[in-house]
Amino acid sequence: MGGACMAPAATDTIYRNFQDLGRTQEDYDQIITGDLGYIGQSILFDLMKSRGYDIRKKHMDCGMTIFDQETQDTHAGGSGCGCAASTLASYILPKLENGEWRKILFVPTGALMSTVSFNEGASVPGIAHAIMIEHC
């Protein structure tokens, strides 16, 4: 469920990056989210498409990269703040360092979940920050 809650925030952050800086998905080798999982990724694609952008070929999700839905009991995908950090350090930065990727948009995501507010039927706010990382 967390990925579904975070997808609108990731969408808005990516969209604002494109609008504010005059960019598109073609300006990045990868657009990488934290841990949207399979459901959140699908929502992200739909929301970006409704704003005129198709990021499917450029998108990578850290939780989906770490966990295998077929062999592990991950349900909708990876979860937790460690997905973005560990994937950045072990997988993404080496690709930038060796020049395989030249420029990425890294969008760690989070859901501000509370068991009390969730059980009371309140919404779950999602957050996302964008960091553009470029190989020089």
N, C-alpha and C. Protein backbone atom coordinates (compact mmCIF):
# COMPACT_ATOMS: atom_id res chain seq x y z
N MET A 1 0.80 -1.18 0.00
CA MET A 1 0.00 0.00 0.00
C MET A 1 0.86 1.26 0.00
N GLY A 2 2.03 1.24 0.61
CA GLY A 2 2.87 2.42 0.69
C GLY A 2 3.21 3.01 -0.65
N GLY A 3 3.53 2.16 -1.63
CA GLY A 3 3.89 2.66 -2.95
C GLY A 3 2.76 3.42 -3.60
N ALA A 4 1.54 2.95 -3.42
CA ALA A 4 0.38 3.64 -3.97
C ALA A 4 0.23 5.01 -3.33
N CYS A 5 0.54 5.12 -2.05
CA CYS A 5 0.45 6.41 -1.35
C CYS A 5 1.53 7.38 -1.81
N MET A 6 2.69 6.84 -2.19
CA MET A 6 3.82 7.70 -2.56
C MET A 6 3.83 8.09 -4.04
N ALA A 7 3.11 7.36 -4.86
CA ALA A 7 3.13 7.61 -6.30
C ALA A 7 2.72 9.03 -6.69
N PRO A 8 1.67 9.61 -6.10
CA PRO A 8 1.34 11.00 -6.46
C PRO A 8 2.45 11.99 -6.11
N ALA A 9 3.12 11.80 -4.99
CA ALA A 9 4.22 12.69 -4.62
C ALA A 9 5.38 12.54 -5.60
N ALA A 10 5.70 11.30 -5.97
CA ALA A 10 6.77 11.08 -6.94
C ALA A 10 6.40 11.71 -8.28
N THR A 11 5.16 11.55 -8.69
CA THR A 11 4.69 12.14 -9.94
C THR A 11 4.87 13.65 -9.92
N ASP A 12 4.41 14.28 -8.86
CA ASP A 12 4.50 15.73 -8.76
C ASP A 12 5.94 16.20 -8.77
N THR A 13 6.82 15.50 -8.06
CA THR A 13 8.23 15.89 -8.00
C THR A 13 8.89 15.77 -9.37
N ILE A 14 8.65 14.67 -10.06
CA ILE A 14 9.23 14.46 -11.39
C ILE A 14 8.66 15.50 -12.38
N TYR A 15 7.36 15.68 -12.34
CA TYR A 15 6.71 16.64 -13.23
C TYR A 15 7.25 18.06 -12.99
N ARG A 16 7.40 18.45 -11.72
CA ARG A 16 7.93 19.78 -11.40
C ARG A 16 9.37 19.94 -11.89
N ASN A 17 10.15 18.88 -11.80
CA ASN A 17 11.52 18.92 -12.34
C ASN A 17 11.47 19.19 -13.84
N PHE A 18 10.62 18.49 -14.54
CA PHE A 18 10.50 18.68 -15.98
C PHE A 18 10.05 20.10 -16.30
N GLN A 19 9.03 20.58 -15.62
CA GLN A 19 8.47 21.90 -15.89
C GLN A 19 9.42 23.02 -15.48
N ASP A 20 9.94 22.95 -14.29
CA ASP A 20 10.78 24.04 -13.77
C ASP A 20 12.11 24.17 -14.51
N LEU A 21 12.66 23.04 -14.95
CA LEU A 21 13.97 23.06 -15.60
C LEU A 21 13.91 22.84 -17.11
N GLY A 22 12.71 22.74 -17.66
CA GLY A 22 12.56 22.56 -19.10
C GLY A 22 13.10 21.22 -19.58
N ARG A 23 12.89 20.18 -18.80
CA ARG A 23 13.42 18.85 -19.14
C ARG A 23 12.30 17.89 -19.48
N THR A 24 12.70 16.75 -20.04
CA THR A 24 11.79 15.63 -20.28
C THR A 24 12.51 14.36 -19.85
N GLN A 25 11.82 13.25 -19.97
CA GLN A 25 12.43 11.97 -19.64
C GLN A 25 13.66 11.68 -20.50
N GLU A 26 13.73 12.26 -21.67
CA GLU A 26 14.86 12.02 -22.57
C GLU A 26 16.16 12.66 -22.08
N ASP A 27 16.06 13.58 -21.15
CA ASP A 27 17.25 14.24 -20.61
C ASP A 27 17.98 13.39 -19.57
N TYR A 28 17.37 12.28 -19.18
CA TYR A 28 17.95 11.42 -18.14
C TYR A 28 18.16 10.01 -18.67
N ASP A 29 19.25 9.40 -18.20
CA ASP A 29 19.45 7.98 -18.51
C ASP A 29 18.47 7.12 -17.72
N GLN A 30 18.22 7.53 -16.48
CA GLN A 30 17.27 6.82 -15.63
C GLN A 30 16.55 7.83 -14.74
N ILE A 31 15.28 7.54 -14.47
CA ILE A 31 14.50 8.24 -13.47
C ILE A 31 14.20 7.19 -12.42
N ILE A 32 14.74 7.37 -11.23
CA ILE A 32 14.75 6.30 -10.24
C ILE A 32 13.95 6.72 -9.01
N THR A 33 12.95 5.91 -8.67
CA THR A 33 12.17 6.15 -7.47
C THR A 33 12.62 5.22 -6.35
N GLY A 34 12.23 5.59 -5.13
CA GLY A 34 12.68 4.86 -3.94
C GLY A 34 12.09 3.48 -3.81
N ASP A 35 10.84 3.38 -3.49
CA ASP A 35 10.25 2.06 -3.29
C ASP A 35 8.75 2.08 -3.55
N LEU A 36 8.39 2.43 -4.79
CA LEU A 36 6.98 2.46 -5.15
C LEU A 36 6.40 1.05 -5.29
N GLY A 37 7.23 0.11 -5.68
CA GLY A 37 6.73 -1.25 -5.92
C GLY A 37 5.89 -1.31 -7.18
N TYR A 38 5.29 -2.46 -7.43
CA TYR A 38 4.56 -2.69 -8.68
C TYR A 38 3.29 -1.86 -8.78
N ILE A 39 2.57 -1.73 -7.71
CA ILE A 39 1.33 -0.95 -7.74
C ILE A 39 1.64 0.53 -7.86
N GLY A 40 2.57 1.02 -7.05
CA GLY A 40 2.95 2.43 -7.13
C GLY A 40 3.54 2.80 -8.48
N GLN A 41 4.33 1.90 -9.06
CA GLN A 41 4.91 2.17 -10.38
C GLN A 41 3.81 2.32 -11.42
N SER A 42 2.83 1.45 -11.38
CA SER A 42 1.72 1.53 -12.33
C SER A 42 0.97 2.86 -12.18
N ILE A 43 0.76 3.28 -10.95
CA ILE A 43 0.08 4.56 -10.71
C ILE A 43 0.95 5.72 -11.21
N LEU A 44 2.25 5.66 -10.94
CA LEU A 44 3.18 6.69 -11.42
C LEU A 44 3.10 6.81 -12.94
N PHE A 45 3.15 5.69 -13.64
CA PHE A 45 3.08 5.71 -15.10
C PHE A 45 1.77 6.35 -15.58
N ASP A 46 0.65 5.98 -14.96
CA ASP A 46 -0.65 6.53 -15.36
C ASP A 46 -0.70 8.04 -15.10
N LEU A 47 -0.23 8.47 -13.94
CA LEU A 47 -0.27 9.90 -13.60
C LEU A 47 0.66 10.72 -14.49
N MET A 48 1.85 10.19 -14.77
CA MET A 48 2.76 10.91 -15.67
C MET A 48 2.20 10.97 -17.09
N LYS A 49 1.59 9.88 -17.53
CA LYS A 49 0.99 9.84 -18.88
C LYS A 49 -0.12 10.89 -18.98
N SER A 50 -0.91 11.06 -17.90
CA SER A 50 -1.99 12.05 -17.93
C SER A 50 -1.44 13.48 -18.00
N ARG A 51 -0.17 13.66 -17.66
CA ARG A 51 0.48 14.98 -17.74
C ARG A 51 1.33 15.12 -19.00
N GLY A 52 1.26 14.10 -19.86
CA GLY A 52 1.93 14.20 -21.15
C GLY A 52 3.32 13.59 -21.23
N TYR A 53 3.71 12.78 -20.26
CA TYR A 53 5.04 12.17 -20.24
C TYR A 53 4.95 10.65 -20.11
N ASP A 54 5.73 9.96 -20.90
CA ASP A 54 5.81 8.51 -20.81
C ASP A 54 7.22 8.15 -20.32
N ILE A 55 7.33 7.81 -19.05
CA ILE A 55 8.65 7.53 -18.47
C ILE A 55 8.94 6.03 -18.34
N ARG A 56 8.09 5.20 -18.90
CA ARG A 56 8.24 3.74 -18.72
C ARG A 56 9.61 3.22 -19.12
N LYS A 57 10.17 3.69 -20.20
CA LYS A 57 11.47 3.18 -20.67
C LYS A 57 12.64 3.71 -19.85
N LYS A 58 12.42 4.76 -19.08
CA LYS A 58 13.50 5.38 -18.31
C LYS A 58 13.39 5.12 -16.81
N HIS A 59 12.31 4.50 -16.37
CA HIS A 59 12.05 4.36 -14.94
C HIS A 59 12.66 3.09 -14.34
N MET A 60 13.18 3.27 -13.14
CA MET A 60 13.67 2.16 -12.32
C MET A 60 13.20 2.43 -10.90
N ASP A 61 12.77 1.40 -10.20
CA ASP A 61 12.34 1.53 -8.81
C ASP A 61 13.29 0.72 -7.93
N CYS A 62 13.82 1.35 -6.89
CA CYS A 62 14.82 0.69 -6.03
C CYS A 62 14.26 -0.56 -5.36
N GLY A 63 13.06 -0.49 -4.82
CA GLY A 63 12.47 -1.66 -4.17
C GLY A 63 12.28 -2.81 -5.12
N MET A 64 11.86 -2.52 -6.35
CA MET A 64 11.68 -3.57 -7.35
C MET A 64 13.01 -4.13 -7.83
N THR A 65 14.07 -3.33 -7.73
CA THR A 65 15.40 -3.77 -8.13
C THR A 65 16.00 -4.72 -7.10
N ILE A 66 15.78 -4.43 -5.83
CA ILE A 66 16.34 -5.25 -4.75
C ILE A 66 15.60 -6.58 -4.59
N PHE A 67 14.27 -6.52 -4.65
CA PHE A 67 13.46 -7.70 -4.35
C PHE A 67 12.89 -8.33 -5.61
N ASP A 68 12.72 -9.63 -5.59
CA ASP A 68 12.15 -10.39 -6.70
C ASP A 68 10.76 -10.86 -6.30
N GLN A 69 9.76 -10.31 -6.97
CA GLN A 69 8.37 -10.62 -6.66
C GLN A 69 8.05 -12.11 -6.86
N GLU A 70 8.74 -12.75 -7.78
CA GLU A 70 8.47 -14.16 -8.09
C GLU A 70 9.00 -15.11 -7.03
N THR A 71 10.15 -14.80 -6.43
CA THR A 71 10.78 -15.75 -5.51
C THR A 71 10.74 -15.31 -4.05
N GLN A 72 10.34 -14.07 -3.79
CA GLN A 72 10.28 -13.58 -2.42
C GLN A 72 8.86 -13.10 -2.12
N ASP A 73 8.48 -13.15 -0.90
CA ASP A 73 7.14 -12.74 -0.49
C ASP A 73 7.10 -11.22 -0.29
N THR A 74 7.19 -10.50 -1.39
CA THR A 74 7.21 -9.03 -1.30
C THR A 74 5.86 -8.40 -1.61
N HIS A 75 4.88 -9.18 -1.97
CA HIS A 75 3.56 -8.68 -2.33
C HIS A 75 3.68 -7.68 -3.48
N ALA A 76 3.53 -6.38 -3.21
CA ALA A 76 3.55 -5.39 -4.28
C ALA A 76 4.95 -4.90 -4.62
N GLY A 77 5.95 -5.22 -3.82
CA GLY A 77 7.32 -4.76 -4.10
C GLY A 77 8.08 -4.51 -2.82
N GLY A 78 9.26 -3.95 -2.95
CA GLY A 78 10.10 -3.67 -1.79
C GLY A 78 9.51 -2.55 -0.95
N SER A 79 9.95 -2.48 0.27
CA SER A 79 9.44 -1.44 1.15
C SER A 79 10.54 -1.00 2.10
N GLY A 80 10.43 0.21 2.56
CA GLY A 80 11.36 0.70 3.57
C GLY A 80 12.34 1.70 3.02
N CYS A 81 12.77 2.58 3.89
CA CYS A 81 13.67 3.67 3.47
C CYS A 81 15.03 3.15 3.04
N GLY A 82 15.40 1.94 3.43
CA GLY A 82 16.70 1.40 3.05
C GLY A 82 16.83 1.06 1.58
N CYS A 83 15.71 0.87 0.89
CA CYS A 83 15.76 0.52 -0.54
C CYS A 83 16.50 1.57 -1.36
N ALA A 84 16.14 2.83 -1.19
CA ALA A 84 16.76 3.89 -1.98
C ALA A 84 18.24 4.04 -1.63
N ALA A 85 18.55 4.06 -0.34
CA ALA A 85 19.94 4.26 0.09
C ALA A 85 20.84 3.13 -0.35
N SER A 86 20.42 1.89 -0.13
CA SER A 86 21.29 0.76 -0.48
C SER A 86 21.44 0.61 -1.99
N THR A 87 20.38 0.88 -2.74
CA THR A 87 20.47 0.78 -4.19
C THR A 87 21.34 1.90 -4.76
N LEU A 88 21.22 3.10 -4.20
CA LEU A 88 22.06 4.20 -4.64
C LEU A 88 23.53 3.86 -4.44
N ALA A 89 23.88 3.39 -3.24
CA ALA A 89 25.29 3.12 -2.92
C ALA A 89 25.86 1.93 -3.68
N SER A 90 25.08 0.87 -3.82
CA SER A 90 25.63 -0.37 -4.37
C SER A 90 25.42 -0.56 -5.87
N TYR A 91 24.44 0.11 -6.45
CA TYR A 91 24.09 -0.16 -7.85
C TYR A 91 24.15 1.09 -8.73
N ILE A 92 23.56 2.18 -8.25
CA ILE A 92 23.42 3.38 -9.08
C ILE A 92 24.74 4.15 -9.20
N LEU A 93 25.36 4.47 -8.08
CA LEU A 93 26.60 5.26 -8.12
C LEU A 93 27.71 4.58 -8.92
N PRO A 94 27.89 3.25 -8.81
CA PRO A 94 28.90 2.62 -9.67
C PRO A 94 28.62 2.79 -11.17
N LYS A 95 27.35 2.77 -11.56
CA LYS A 95 27.01 2.98 -12.98
C LYS A 95 27.33 4.41 -13.43
N LEU A 96 27.16 5.37 -12.53
CA LEU A 96 27.53 6.75 -12.83
C LEU A 96 29.05 6.90 -12.86
N GLU A 97 29.71 6.27 -11.91
CA GLU A 97 31.17 6.38 -11.82
C GLU A 97 31.86 5.80 -13.05
N ASN A 98 31.35 4.67 -13.55
CA ASN A 98 32.01 4.07 -14.71
C ASN A 98 31.51 4.64 -16.05
N GLY A 99 30.59 5.62 -15.99
CA GLY A 99 30.13 6.29 -17.19
C GLY A 99 29.02 5.59 -17.95
N GLU A 100 28.53 4.47 -17.42
CA GLU A 100 27.42 3.78 -18.08
C GLU A 100 26.18 4.68 -18.12
N TRP A 101 25.94 5.39 -17.03
CA TRP A 101 24.90 6.41 -16.98
C TRP A 101 25.58 7.76 -16.82
N ARG A 102 25.07 8.77 -17.51
CA ARG A 102 25.64 10.12 -17.44
C ARG A 102 24.83 11.05 -16.52
N LYS A 103 23.51 10.89 -16.53
CA LYS A 103 22.66 11.77 -15.73
C LYS A 103 21.42 11.00 -15.29
N ILE A 104 21.12 11.09 -13.99
CA ILE A 104 19.92 10.45 -13.47
C ILE A 104 19.12 11.44 -12.64
N LEU A 105 17.84 11.16 -12.51
CA LEU A 105 16.98 11.88 -11.58
C LEU A 105 16.62 10.86 -10.50
N PHE A 106 17.13 11.08 -9.30
CA PHE A 106 16.93 10.17 -8.18
C PHE A 106 15.83 10.73 -7.29
N VAL A 107 14.75 9.98 -7.12
CA VAL A 107 13.57 10.46 -6.42
C VAL A 107 13.22 9.50 -5.27
N PRO A 108 13.90 9.64 -4.13
CA PRO A 108 13.54 8.82 -2.98
C PRO A 108 12.14 9.18 -2.50
N THR A 109 11.39 8.19 -2.11
CA THR A 109 10.00 8.40 -1.72
C THR A 109 9.77 7.94 -0.29
N GLY A 110 8.72 8.43 0.30
CA GLY A 110 8.36 8.02 1.66
C GLY A 110 6.88 8.24 1.91
N ALA A 111 6.34 7.43 2.80
CA ALA A 111 4.95 7.58 3.23
C ALA A 111 4.96 7.87 4.72
N LEU A 112 4.27 8.90 5.12
CA LEU A 112 4.22 9.30 6.52
C LEU A 112 3.07 8.54 7.19
N MET A 113 3.36 7.26 7.48
CA MET A 113 2.32 6.37 7.97
C MET A 113 2.23 6.39 9.50
N SER A 114 1.01 6.32 9.97
CA SER A 114 0.73 6.22 11.39
C SER A 114 -0.36 5.17 11.55
N THR A 115 -0.13 4.20 12.40
CA THR A 115 -1.15 3.16 12.58
C THR A 115 -2.44 3.75 13.14
N VAL A 116 -2.35 4.77 13.95
CA VAL A 116 -3.55 5.38 14.51
C VAL A 116 -4.36 6.05 13.42
N SER A 117 -3.73 6.95 12.65
CA SER A 117 -4.48 7.67 11.62
C SER A 117 -4.96 6.72 10.52
N PHE A 118 -4.14 5.71 10.19
CA PHE A 118 -4.55 4.74 9.16
C PHE A 118 -5.79 3.97 9.62
N ASN A 119 -5.76 3.48 10.86
CA ASN A 119 -6.91 2.72 11.38
C ASN A 119 -8.14 3.57 11.54
N GLU A 120 -7.96 4.88 11.63
CA GLU A 120 -9.10 5.79 11.69
C GLU A 120 -9.59 6.21 10.31
N GLY A 121 -8.96 5.69 9.27
CA GLY A 121 -9.38 5.99 7.91
C GLY A 121 -8.80 7.26 7.33
N ALA A 122 -7.82 7.85 7.98
CA ALA A 122 -7.20 9.07 7.46
C ALA A 122 -6.29 8.74 6.28
N SER A 123 -6.03 9.74 5.46
CA SER A 123 -5.15 9.55 4.31
C SER A 123 -3.71 9.39 4.78
N VAL A 124 -2.88 8.82 3.90
CA VAL A 124 -1.46 8.64 4.19
C VAL A 124 -0.68 9.59 3.28
N PRO A 125 -0.08 10.65 3.85
CA PRO A 125 0.67 11.58 3.02
C PRO A 125 1.95 10.93 2.47
N GLY A 126 2.24 11.21 1.23
CA GLY A 126 3.46 10.74 0.60
C GLY A 126 4.40 11.90 0.34
N ILE A 127 5.71 11.62 0.37
CA ILE A 127 6.71 12.64 0.09
C ILE A 127 7.71 12.11 -0.93
N ALA A 128 8.32 13.02 -1.66
CA ALA A 128 9.36 12.66 -2.63
C ALA A 128 10.26 13.87 -2.85
N HIS A 129 11.55 13.60 -2.89
CA HIS A 129 12.54 14.65 -3.18
C HIS A 129 13.28 14.25 -4.44
N ALA A 130 13.73 15.22 -5.19
CA ALA A 130 14.49 14.94 -6.42
C ALA A 130 15.92 15.39 -6.28
N ILE A 131 16.81 14.52 -6.70
CA ILE A 131 18.24 14.84 -6.74
C ILE A 131 18.74 14.46 -8.12
N MET A 132 19.23 15.44 -8.86
CA MET A 132 19.80 15.16 -10.16
C MET A 132 21.29 14.87 -9.95
N ILE A 133 21.74 13.71 -10.40
CA ILE A 133 23.14 13.32 -10.25
C ILE A 133 23.71 13.12 -11.64
N GLU A 134 24.86 13.76 -11.88
CA GLU A 134 25.45 13.73 -13.22
C GLU A 134 26.92 13.31 -13.14
N HIS A 135 27.32 12.48 -14.09
CA HIS A 135 28.73 12.07 -14.22
C HIS A 135 29.46 13.16 -14.98
N CYS A 136 30.54 13.65 -14.40
CA CYS A 136 31.30 14.73 -15.04
C CYS A 136 32.53 14.18 -15.75
